[in-house]
C-alpha cells in the first residue's frame, strides 16, 4: 500500500492506483488546474467517502511500497484526467479491465474520425 500525504494528512491506496493518481494529479497541477479528488476509503472508519480540493498551494507527497508500479494504463489515466475536469471532480475507481489503451481505441474502425473531429 502506498501513501498520499496532502496538507499533512495521510491516505492509503494500492501502489498501482497511487501511481495513476500521481500521473493525473501532476498533469493537472502542472497546468495549474485545481480540482476535486474523491474516493471511498478501503476501510471506512470516519467517513463513507473522502474528498480533497487539490491545489498547487498545498504540498503533496507520494510514498510507494514498491519501486516500480509497472506500465501505466493510458486509458485509465486519461479517464482520471477527464473526470478531474468535471464539476464533480475525479472519483477514484478500480482499474477497468476492458478499457484498453489509447492506441487500441484509435485503431478500431471509426475511432480515428472521432479522435480527429475534436482537434
Protein backbone atom coordinates (compact mmCIF):
# COMPACT_ATOMS: atom_id res chain seq x y z
CA UNK A 1 0.00 0.00 0.00
CA UNK A 2 1.22 3.44 -0.91
CA UNK A 3 0.52 6.69 0.88
CA UNK A 4 -0.64 10.06 -0.42
CA UNK A 5 0.20 12.81 2.07
CA UNK A 6 -1.73 16.01 1.43
CA UNK A 7 -1.81 19.00 3.76
CA UNK A 8 -0.27 16.84 6.48
CA UNK A 9 -2.89 14.07 6.28
CA UNK A 10 -2.05 10.56 5.08
CA UNK A 11 -4.28 8.48 2.81
CA UNK A 12 -3.53 4.94 1.64
CA UNK A 13 -4.01 3.50 -1.84
CA UNK A 14 -2.62 0.43 -3.52
CA UNK A 15 0.61 1.30 -5.34
CA UNK A 16 -0.87 0.92 -8.83
CA UNK A 17 -3.77 3.27 -8.12
CA UNK A 18 -1.42 5.74 -6.44
CA UNK A 19 0.90 5.70 -9.47
CA UNK A 20 -2.03 6.60 -11.74
CA UNK A 21 -3.17 9.29 -9.31
CA UNK A 22 0.35 10.73 -9.22
CA UNK A 23 0.43 11.00 -13.00
CA UNK A 24 -3.08 12.53 -13.22
CA UNK A 25 -2.50 14.98 -10.37
CA UNK A 26 0.86 16.02 -11.77
CA UNK A 27 -0.67 16.73 -15.17
CA UNK A 28 -3.50 18.83 -13.70
CA UNK A 29 -1.24 20.73 -11.28
CA UNK A 30 1.34 21.38 -14.00
CA UNK A 31 -1.47 23.08 -15.91
CA UNK A 32 -2.44 24.98 -12.73
CA UNK A 33 -5.91 23.41 -12.80
CA UNK A 34 -7.16 22.75 -9.26
CA UNK A 35 -9.85 20.09 -8.91
CA UNK A 36 -11.78 17.87 -6.52
CA UNK A 37 -10.44 14.37 -5.77
CA UNK A 38 -12.82 11.86 -4.12
CA UNK A 39 -12.70 8.19 -3.17
CA UNK A 40 -14.31 5.58 -0.96
CA UNK A 41 -11.79 4.55 1.71
CA UNK A 42 -10.87 0.85 1.72
CA UNK A 43 -11.74 0.71 5.40
CA UNK A 44 -14.33 3.41 6.07
CA UNK A 45 -13.68 4.39 9.68
CA UNK A 46 -14.60 8.06 9.91
CA UNK A 47 -16.47 8.56 6.64
CA UNK A 48 -18.01 6.66 3.74
CA UNK A 49 -16.30 8.94 1.19
CA UNK A 50 -13.36 11.32 1.33
CA UNK A 51 -12.87 14.39 -0.88
CA UNK A 52 -9.92 16.78 -1.17
CA UNK A 53 -9.54 20.02 -3.07
CA UNK A 54 -6.27 19.58 -4.96
CA UNK A 55 -4.39 22.84 -5.49
CA UNK A 56 -0.81 23.87 -6.28
CA UNK A 57 -0.54 25.80 -2.99
CA UNK A 58 -0.75 22.64 -0.86
CA UNK A 59 2.24 20.28 -0.61
CA UNK A 60 1.64 16.73 -1.82
CA UNK A 61 3.79 13.64 -1.28
CA UNK A 62 3.60 10.10 -2.67
CA UNK A 63 5.21 7.14 -0.89
CA UNK A 64 5.18 3.73 -2.56
CA UNK A 65 5.84 0.27 -1.16
CA UNK A 66 7.26 -0.95 -4.48
CA UNK A 67 9.90 0.74 -6.62
CA UNK A 68 8.03 0.31 -9.94
CA UNK A 69 4.26 0.38 -10.48
CA UNK A 70 4.51 -1.27 -13.89
CA UNK A 71 3.28 0.24 -17.11
CA UNK A 72 0.52 2.78 -16.61
CA UNK A 73 -2.85 2.09 -18.19
CA UNK A 74 -3.19 5.09 -20.54
CA UNK A 75 -6.94 4.70 -20.86
CA UNK A 76 -7.43 4.69 -17.08
CA UNK A 77 -5.09 7.67 -16.73
CA UNK A 78 -6.91 9.59 -19.48
CA UNK A 79 -10.23 8.77 -17.79
CA UNK A 80 -8.91 10.18 -14.49
CA UNK A 81 -7.70 13.39 -16.13
CA UNK A 82 -11.01 13.80 -17.97
CA UNK A 83 -13.02 13.27 -14.75
CA UNK A 84 -10.86 15.82 -12.92
CA UNK A 85 -12.06 18.45 -15.39
CA UNK A 86 -15.71 17.90 -14.45
CA UNK A 87 -17.54 19.84 -11.74
CA UNK A 88 -17.94 16.58 -9.79
CA UNK A 89 -14.18 16.03 -9.89
CA UNK A 90 -12.07 12.90 -10.10
CA UNK A 91 -13.64 9.90 -8.39
CA UNK A 92 -11.06 7.17 -7.83
CA UNK A 93 -12.33 3.89 -9.22
CA UNK A 94 -10.85 0.44 -9.71
CA UNK A 95 -8.77 -0.06 -12.83
CA UNK A 96 -11.10 -1.16 -15.63
CA UNK A 97 -10.04 -4.47 -17.13
CA UNK A 98 -11.57 -3.86 -20.55
CA UNK A 99 -10.80 -0.18 -21.11
CA UNK A 100 -7.94 -0.86 -23.50
CA UNK A 101 -5.15 1.52 -24.37
CA UNK A 102 -5.25 4.79 -26.27
CA UNK A 103 -3.68 3.02 -29.26
CA UNK A 104 -6.37 0.29 -29.18
CA UNK A 105 -9.14 2.91 -29.36
CA UNK A 106 -7.51 4.75 -32.26
CA UNK A 107 -7.06 1.55 -34.29
CA UNK A 108 -10.72 0.50 -34.10
CA UNK A 109 -12.78 1.27 -37.21
CA UNK A 110 -14.37 4.69 -36.93
CA UNK A 111 -12.37 5.67 -33.85
CA UNK A 112 -9.96 7.81 -35.88
CA UNK A 113 -12.80 10.01 -37.13
CA UNK A 114 -13.93 10.72 -33.57
CA UNK A 115 -10.41 11.42 -32.38
CA UNK A 116 -9.68 13.84 -35.23
CA UNK A 117 -13.08 15.56 -35.02
CA UNK A 118 -12.20 17.12 -31.67
CA UNK A 119 -8.98 18.67 -32.94
